[in-house]
Amino acid sequence: MRVSVIMVNLNGDPFILESLASLSGQGFKDFEVIVVDNGSSDGSLEKIRGQFPRVKLIELGANRGFAYACAAGWKESRGEDLAVLNNDAVADKDWIGEMVAALDSDQKIGMVACKVIGKKKQ
């Protein structure tokens, strides 16, 4: 497994579904998705289970904070590289592939950051 994508969730319905769908459309395929839930009560976990059965869910049962949740996901990850994606972000179809290409371009590179582009209001 090359990449583990960790996503922290707290009552992310409905935007987390769009975020997970964007990961399903990635051109790069050697990755897993781990959603760490901070005690959601909005039904988002049930929707994730129903629509994205391959997503690994870690349920913390209470809001332990973003950093704690990321660390919990990291402990369960199998990837050589880690990526963190906010539950309201939509990833470009080349997001993971471009990150891996940047990391592979020079062995001195240990971290990459991505450009975030906001959605236009309609």
N, C-alpha and C. Protein backbone atom coordinates (compact mmCIF):
# COMPACT_ATOMS: atom_id res chain seq x y z
N MET A 1 0.86 -1.18 0.00
CA MET A 1 0.00 0.00 0.00
C MET A 1 0.90 1.24 0.00
N ARG A 2 0.69 2.10 -0.96
CA ARG A 2 1.55 3.28 -1.07
C ARG A 2 1.07 4.44 -0.19
N VAL A 3 -0.24 4.76 -0.23
CA VAL A 3 -0.73 5.95 0.47
C VAL A 3 -1.92 5.60 1.35
N SER A 4 -1.92 6.17 2.54
CA SER A 4 -3.09 6.12 3.42
C SER A 4 -3.63 7.54 3.52
N VAL A 5 -4.89 7.71 3.12
CA VAL A 5 -5.55 9.01 3.23
C VAL A 5 -6.37 8.99 4.52
N ILE A 6 -6.08 9.93 5.40
CA ILE A 6 -6.78 10.03 6.67
C ILE A 6 -7.71 11.23 6.63
N MET A 7 -8.96 11.00 6.97
CA MET A 7 -9.96 12.04 6.99
C MET A 7 -10.64 12.04 8.36
N VAL A 8 -10.63 13.18 9.02
CA VAL A 8 -11.28 13.31 10.33
C VAL A 8 -12.70 13.82 10.09
N ASN A 9 -13.65 13.21 10.79
CA ASN A 9 -15.05 13.57 10.63
C ASN A 9 -15.69 13.91 11.98
N LEU A 10 -16.48 14.95 11.97
CA LEU A 10 -17.37 15.27 13.09
C LEU A 10 -18.61 15.91 12.47
N ASN A 11 -19.68 15.13 12.41
CA ASN A 11 -20.94 15.60 11.83
C ASN A 11 -20.75 16.20 10.44
N GLY A 12 -20.10 15.42 9.57
CA GLY A 12 -19.75 15.89 8.24
C GLY A 12 -20.81 15.71 7.17
N ASP A 13 -22.00 15.29 7.55
CA ASP A 13 -23.07 15.14 6.56
C ASP A 13 -23.55 16.52 6.16
N PRO A 14 -23.68 16.84 4.89
CA PRO A 14 -23.57 15.98 3.72
C PRO A 14 -22.25 16.10 2.97
N PHE A 15 -21.35 17.01 3.36
CA PHE A 15 -20.19 17.26 2.50
C PHE A 15 -19.16 16.14 2.49
N ILE A 16 -19.10 15.29 3.50
CA ILE A 16 -18.10 14.22 3.50
C ILE A 16 -18.34 13.22 2.37
N LEU A 17 -19.58 13.06 1.96
CA LEU A 17 -19.88 12.11 0.88
C LEU A 17 -19.27 12.57 -0.44
N GLU A 18 -19.32 13.86 -0.71
CA GLU A 18 -18.70 14.40 -1.92
C GLU A 18 -17.18 14.25 -1.85
N SER A 19 -16.63 14.46 -0.67
CA SER A 19 -15.19 14.31 -0.48
C SER A 19 -14.75 12.87 -0.74
N LEU A 20 -15.48 11.92 -0.17
CA LEU A 20 -15.15 10.50 -0.39
C LEU A 20 -15.35 10.10 -1.84
N ALA A 21 -16.35 10.65 -2.49
CA ALA A 21 -16.57 10.35 -3.91
C ALA A 21 -15.39 10.84 -4.75
N SER A 22 -14.81 11.98 -4.38
CA SER A 22 -13.65 12.48 -5.13
C SER A 22 -12.45 11.55 -4.97
N LEU A 23 -12.35 10.88 -3.86
CA LEU A 23 -11.27 9.91 -3.68
C LEU A 23 -11.53 8.66 -4.52
N SER A 24 -12.78 8.29 -4.67
CA SER A 24 -13.12 7.12 -5.49
C SER A 24 -12.73 7.33 -6.94
N GLY A 25 -12.66 8.57 -7.38
CA GLY A 25 -12.33 8.87 -8.77
C GLY A 25 -10.86 9.14 -9.04
N GLN A 26 -9.99 8.83 -8.10
CA GLN A 26 -8.56 9.08 -8.29
C GLN A 26 -7.97 8.21 -9.39
N GLY A 27 -7.08 8.78 -10.18
CA GLY A 27 -6.38 8.00 -11.19
C GLY A 27 -5.37 7.05 -10.55
N PHE A 28 -4.72 7.49 -9.51
CA PHE A 28 -3.79 6.66 -8.74
C PHE A 28 -4.62 5.75 -7.86
N LYS A 29 -4.32 4.46 -7.84
CA LYS A 29 -5.20 3.49 -7.17
C LYS A 29 -4.62 2.81 -5.94
N ASP A 30 -3.32 2.96 -5.69
CA ASP A 30 -2.69 2.23 -4.59
C ASP A 30 -2.79 3.02 -3.28
N PHE A 31 -4.02 3.13 -2.77
CA PHE A 31 -4.24 3.87 -1.54
C PHE A 31 -5.44 3.31 -0.78
N GLU A 32 -5.47 3.62 0.49
CA GLU A 32 -6.61 3.30 1.35
C GLU A 32 -7.16 4.60 1.93
N VAL A 33 -8.41 4.55 2.35
CA VAL A 33 -9.04 5.71 2.98
C VAL A 33 -9.46 5.31 4.39
N ILE A 34 -9.05 6.12 5.35
CA ILE A 34 -9.41 5.90 6.74
C ILE A 34 -10.15 7.13 7.23
N VAL A 35 -11.39 6.94 7.66
CA VAL A 35 -12.17 8.02 8.26
C VAL A 35 -12.16 7.80 9.76
N VAL A 36 -11.70 8.80 10.49
CA VAL A 36 -11.68 8.75 11.95
C VAL A 36 -12.79 9.67 12.43
N ASP A 37 -13.75 9.10 13.13
CA ASP A 37 -14.93 9.86 13.54
C ASP A 37 -14.82 10.29 15.01
N ASN A 38 -15.06 11.56 15.22
CA ASN A 38 -14.98 12.19 16.54
C ASN A 38 -16.34 12.26 17.23
N GLY A 39 -17.15 11.21 17.13
CA GLY A 39 -18.42 11.16 17.85
C GLY A 39 -19.58 11.81 17.12
N SER A 40 -19.67 11.61 15.82
CA SER A 40 -20.76 12.20 15.03
C SER A 40 -22.12 11.69 15.48
N SER A 41 -23.11 12.58 15.37
CA SER A 41 -24.49 12.22 15.71
C SER A 41 -25.45 12.59 14.59
N ASP A 42 -24.91 12.85 13.39
CA ASP A 42 -25.72 13.33 12.28
C ASP A 42 -26.06 12.26 11.24
N GLY A 43 -25.69 11.00 11.50
CA GLY A 43 -25.97 9.94 10.55
C GLY A 43 -24.90 9.78 9.48
N SER A 44 -23.84 10.57 9.54
CA SER A 44 -22.81 10.49 8.50
C SER A 44 -22.11 9.13 8.48
N LEU A 45 -21.93 8.51 9.64
CA LEU A 45 -21.27 7.19 9.66
C LEU A 45 -22.09 6.14 8.92
N GLU A 46 -23.39 6.16 9.12
CA GLU A 46 -24.26 5.20 8.44
C GLU A 46 -24.21 5.40 6.93
N LYS A 47 -24.17 6.67 6.52
CA LYS A 47 -24.10 6.96 5.08
C LYS A 47 -22.77 6.50 4.49
N ILE A 48 -21.70 6.72 5.24
CA ILE A 48 -20.37 6.27 4.77
C ILE A 48 -20.37 4.75 4.63
N ARG A 49 -20.86 4.06 5.64
CA ARG A 49 -20.90 2.59 5.59
C ARG A 49 -21.71 2.11 4.39
N GLY A 50 -22.84 2.76 4.12
CA GLY A 50 -23.71 2.34 3.03
C GLY A 50 -23.17 2.66 1.65
N GLN A 51 -22.51 3.80 1.50
CA GLN A 51 -22.06 4.24 0.18
C GLN A 51 -20.59 3.97 -0.11
N PHE A 52 -19.80 3.79 0.94
CA PHE A 52 -18.35 3.59 0.76
C PHE A 52 -17.87 2.45 1.67
N PRO A 53 -18.28 1.23 1.36
CA PRO A 53 -17.95 0.10 2.24
C PRO A 53 -16.46 -0.21 2.34
N ARG A 54 -15.65 0.27 1.42
CA ARG A 54 -14.21 0.00 1.46
C ARG A 54 -13.46 0.97 2.38
N VAL A 55 -14.14 2.01 2.83
CA VAL A 55 -13.51 2.97 3.73
C VAL A 55 -13.37 2.34 5.11
N LYS A 56 -12.20 2.46 5.67
CA LYS A 56 -11.96 1.97 7.03
C LYS A 56 -12.44 3.04 8.01
N LEU A 57 -13.34 2.67 8.90
CA LEU A 57 -13.88 3.60 9.89
C LEU A 57 -13.29 3.33 11.26
N ILE A 58 -12.85 4.39 11.90
CA ILE A 58 -12.40 4.33 13.28
C ILE A 58 -13.33 5.25 14.07
N GLU A 59 -14.06 4.69 14.98
CA GLU A 59 -15.02 5.47 15.76
C GLU A 59 -14.45 5.75 17.15
N LEU A 60 -14.16 7.02 17.42
CA LEU A 60 -13.61 7.40 18.71
C LEU A 60 -14.69 7.55 19.78
N GLY A 61 -15.94 7.77 19.37
CA GLY A 61 -17.05 7.86 20.31
C GLY A 61 -17.24 9.21 20.95
N ALA A 62 -16.24 10.06 20.89
CA ALA A 62 -16.31 11.41 21.45
C ALA A 62 -15.33 12.29 20.69
N ASN A 63 -15.51 13.58 20.78
CA ASN A 63 -14.63 14.51 20.08
C ASN A 63 -13.30 14.62 20.84
N ARG A 64 -12.30 13.99 20.28
CA ARG A 64 -10.96 14.02 20.88
C ARG A 64 -10.06 15.06 20.21
N GLY A 65 -10.59 15.73 19.21
CA GLY A 65 -9.81 16.75 18.51
C GLY A 65 -9.18 16.23 17.24
N PHE A 66 -8.81 17.17 16.39
CA PHE A 66 -8.28 16.85 15.06
C PHE A 66 -6.96 16.09 15.16
N ALA A 67 -6.01 16.59 15.94
CA ALA A 67 -4.69 15.95 16.01
C ALA A 67 -4.78 14.53 16.56
N TYR A 68 -5.57 14.34 17.61
CA TYR A 68 -5.73 13.01 18.19
C TYR A 68 -6.32 12.05 17.16
N ALA A 69 -7.33 12.53 16.43
CA ALA A 69 -7.97 11.69 15.41
C ALA A 69 -7.00 11.34 14.28
N CYS A 70 -6.18 12.31 13.86
CA CYS A 70 -5.18 12.02 12.83
C CYS A 70 -4.21 10.96 13.32
N ALA A 71 -3.77 11.07 14.56
CA ALA A 71 -2.83 10.08 15.12
C ALA A 71 -3.48 8.70 15.20
N ALA A 72 -4.76 8.65 15.54
CA ALA A 72 -5.48 7.37 15.59
C ALA A 72 -5.54 6.74 14.20
N GLY A 73 -5.76 7.55 13.18
CA GLY A 73 -5.75 7.05 11.81
C GLY A 73 -4.37 6.58 11.39
N TRP A 74 -3.36 7.31 11.76
CA TRP A 74 -2.00 6.96 11.43
C TRP A 74 -1.62 5.60 12.02
N LYS A 75 -2.04 5.35 13.25
CA LYS A 75 -1.74 4.07 13.90
C LYS A 75 -2.36 2.89 13.16
N GLU A 76 -3.48 3.10 12.50
CA GLU A 76 -4.17 2.03 11.78
C GLU A 76 -3.81 1.98 10.29
N SER A 77 -3.00 2.92 9.84
CA SER A 77 -2.69 3.01 8.41
C SER A 77 -1.69 1.95 7.99
N ARG A 78 -1.75 1.61 6.71
CA ARG A 78 -0.84 0.63 6.13
C ARG A 78 0.04 1.25 5.05
N GLY A 79 -0.19 2.50 4.73
CA GLY A 79 0.53 3.14 3.62
C GLY A 79 1.94 3.55 3.96
N GLU A 80 2.74 3.57 2.91
CA GLU A 80 4.12 4.07 3.02
C GLU A 80 4.10 5.58 3.26
N ASP A 81 3.14 6.26 2.64
CA ASP A 81 2.98 7.71 2.78
C ASP A 81 1.61 8.01 3.35
N LEU A 82 1.52 9.14 4.06
CA LEU A 82 0.26 9.58 4.64
C LEU A 82 -0.22 10.85 3.96
N ALA A 83 -1.52 10.95 3.78
CA ALA A 83 -2.14 12.17 3.29
C ALA A 83 -3.32 12.47 4.19
N VAL A 84 -3.50 13.73 4.50
CA VAL A 84 -4.64 14.15 5.31
C VAL A 84 -5.53 15.02 4.43
N LEU A 85 -6.81 14.70 4.41
CA LEU A 85 -7.77 15.47 3.62
C LEU A 85 -8.94 15.86 4.51
N ASN A 86 -9.26 17.14 4.51
CA ASN A 86 -10.42 17.60 5.30
C ASN A 86 -11.70 16.98 4.75
N ASN A 87 -12.66 16.76 5.63
CA ASN A 87 -13.89 16.09 5.21
C ASN A 87 -14.80 16.96 4.35
N ASP A 88 -14.46 18.22 4.18
CA ASP A 88 -15.25 19.09 3.29
C ASP A 88 -14.47 19.46 2.03
N ALA A 89 -13.34 18.81 1.80
CA ALA A 89 -12.52 19.09 0.61
C ALA A 89 -12.84 18.09 -0.50
N VAL A 90 -12.79 18.56 -1.71
CA VAL A 90 -12.98 17.71 -2.89
C VAL A 90 -11.64 17.64 -3.61
N ALA A 91 -11.11 16.42 -3.73
CA ALA A 91 -9.79 16.23 -4.33
C ALA A 91 -9.88 16.14 -5.85
N ASP A 92 -8.97 16.82 -6.52
CA ASP A 92 -8.82 16.67 -7.96
C ASP A 92 -8.49 15.22 -8.27
N LYS A 93 -8.87 14.74 -9.43
CA LYS A 93 -8.68 13.33 -9.79
C LYS A 93 -7.20 12.92 -9.81
N ASP A 94 -6.29 13.88 -9.91
CA ASP A 94 -4.86 13.60 -9.93
C ASP A 94 -4.17 13.92 -8.61
N TRP A 95 -4.93 14.24 -7.57
CA TRP A 95 -4.36 14.69 -6.29
C TRP A 95 -3.33 13.71 -5.73
N ILE A 96 -3.71 12.47 -5.53
CA ILE A 96 -2.78 11.51 -4.92
C ILE A 96 -1.62 11.20 -5.87
N GLY A 97 -1.90 11.03 -7.13
CA GLY A 97 -0.85 10.74 -8.09
C GLY A 97 0.19 11.84 -8.17
N GLU A 98 -0.23 13.07 -8.14
CA GLU A 98 0.70 14.20 -8.19
C GLU A 98 1.53 14.28 -6.91
N MET A 99 0.92 13.98 -5.77
CA MET A 99 1.69 13.97 -4.51
C MET A 99 2.76 12.89 -4.55
N VAL A 100 2.39 11.71 -5.00
CA VAL A 100 3.36 10.61 -5.08
C VAL A 100 4.48 10.96 -6.06
N ALA A 101 4.14 11.56 -7.19
CA ALA A 101 5.16 11.95 -8.17
C ALA A 101 6.12 12.96 -7.58
N ALA A 102 5.61 13.91 -6.81
CA ALA A 102 6.49 14.90 -6.18
C ALA A 102 7.41 14.23 -5.16
N LEU A 103 6.87 13.34 -4.36
CA LEU A 103 7.69 12.63 -3.37
C LEU A 103 8.75 11.77 -4.03
N ASP A 104 8.41 11.15 -5.15
CA ASP A 104 9.34 10.27 -5.85
C ASP A 104 10.39 11.02 -6.68
N SER A 105 10.19 12.32 -6.88
CA SER A 105 11.08 13.08 -7.75
C SER A 105 12.44 13.36 -7.12
N ASP A 106 12.52 13.29 -5.80
CA ASP A 106 13.78 13.58 -5.11
C ASP A 106 13.72 12.94 -3.73
N GLN A 107 14.70 12.11 -3.41
CA GLN A 107 14.65 11.41 -2.12
C GLN A 107 14.82 12.34 -0.93
N LYS A 108 15.20 13.59 -1.16
CA LYS A 108 15.30 14.57 -0.08
C LYS A 108 13.93 15.14 0.30
N ILE A 109 12.92 14.91 -0.53
CA ILE A 109 11.58 15.42 -0.25
C ILE A 109 10.87 14.46 0.69
N GLY A 110 10.45 14.97 1.81
CA GLY A 110 9.76 14.14 2.80
C GLY A 110 8.33 14.56 3.04
N MET A 111 7.93 15.70 2.48
CA MET A 111 6.58 16.22 2.70
C MET A 111 6.20 17.12 1.53
N VAL A 112 4.93 17.07 1.16
CA VAL A 112 4.41 18.00 0.16
C VAL A 112 3.12 18.61 0.69
N ALA A 113 2.84 19.80 0.23
CA ALA A 113 1.59 20.46 0.55
C ALA A 113 0.89 20.78 -0.77
N CYS A 114 -0.40 20.81 -0.72
CA CYS A 114 -1.18 21.00 -1.95
C CYS A 114 -1.84 22.37 -1.97
N LYS A 115 -2.07 22.84 -3.16
CA LYS A 115 -2.78 24.09 -3.36
C LYS A 115 -4.26 23.85 -3.13
N VAL A 116 -4.88 24.71 -2.35
CA VAL A 116 -6.31 24.61 -2.06
C VAL A 116 -7.01 25.71 -2.83
N ILE A 117 -8.01 25.31 -3.61
CA ILE A 117 -8.79 26.27 -4.40
C ILE A 117 -10.23 26.21 -3.92
N GLY A 118 -10.77 27.34 -3.51
CA GLY A 118 -12.14 27.38 -3.03
C GLY A 118 -13.15 27.25 -4.15
N LYS A 119 -14.33 26.73 -3.81
CA LYS A 119 -15.40 26.63 -4.79
C LYS A 119 -16.00 28.01 -5.02
N LYS A 120 -16.40 28.24 -6.26
CA LYS A 120 -17.07 29.48 -6.58
C LYS A 120 -18.50 29.41 -6.07
N LYS A 121 -18.96 30.49 -5.48
CA LYS A 121 -20.34 30.54 -5.02
C LYS A 121 -21.25 30.69 -6.22
N GLN A 122 -22.37 29.98 -6.15
CA GLN A 122 -23.30 30.04 -7.29
C GLN A 122 -24.40 31.02 -7.03
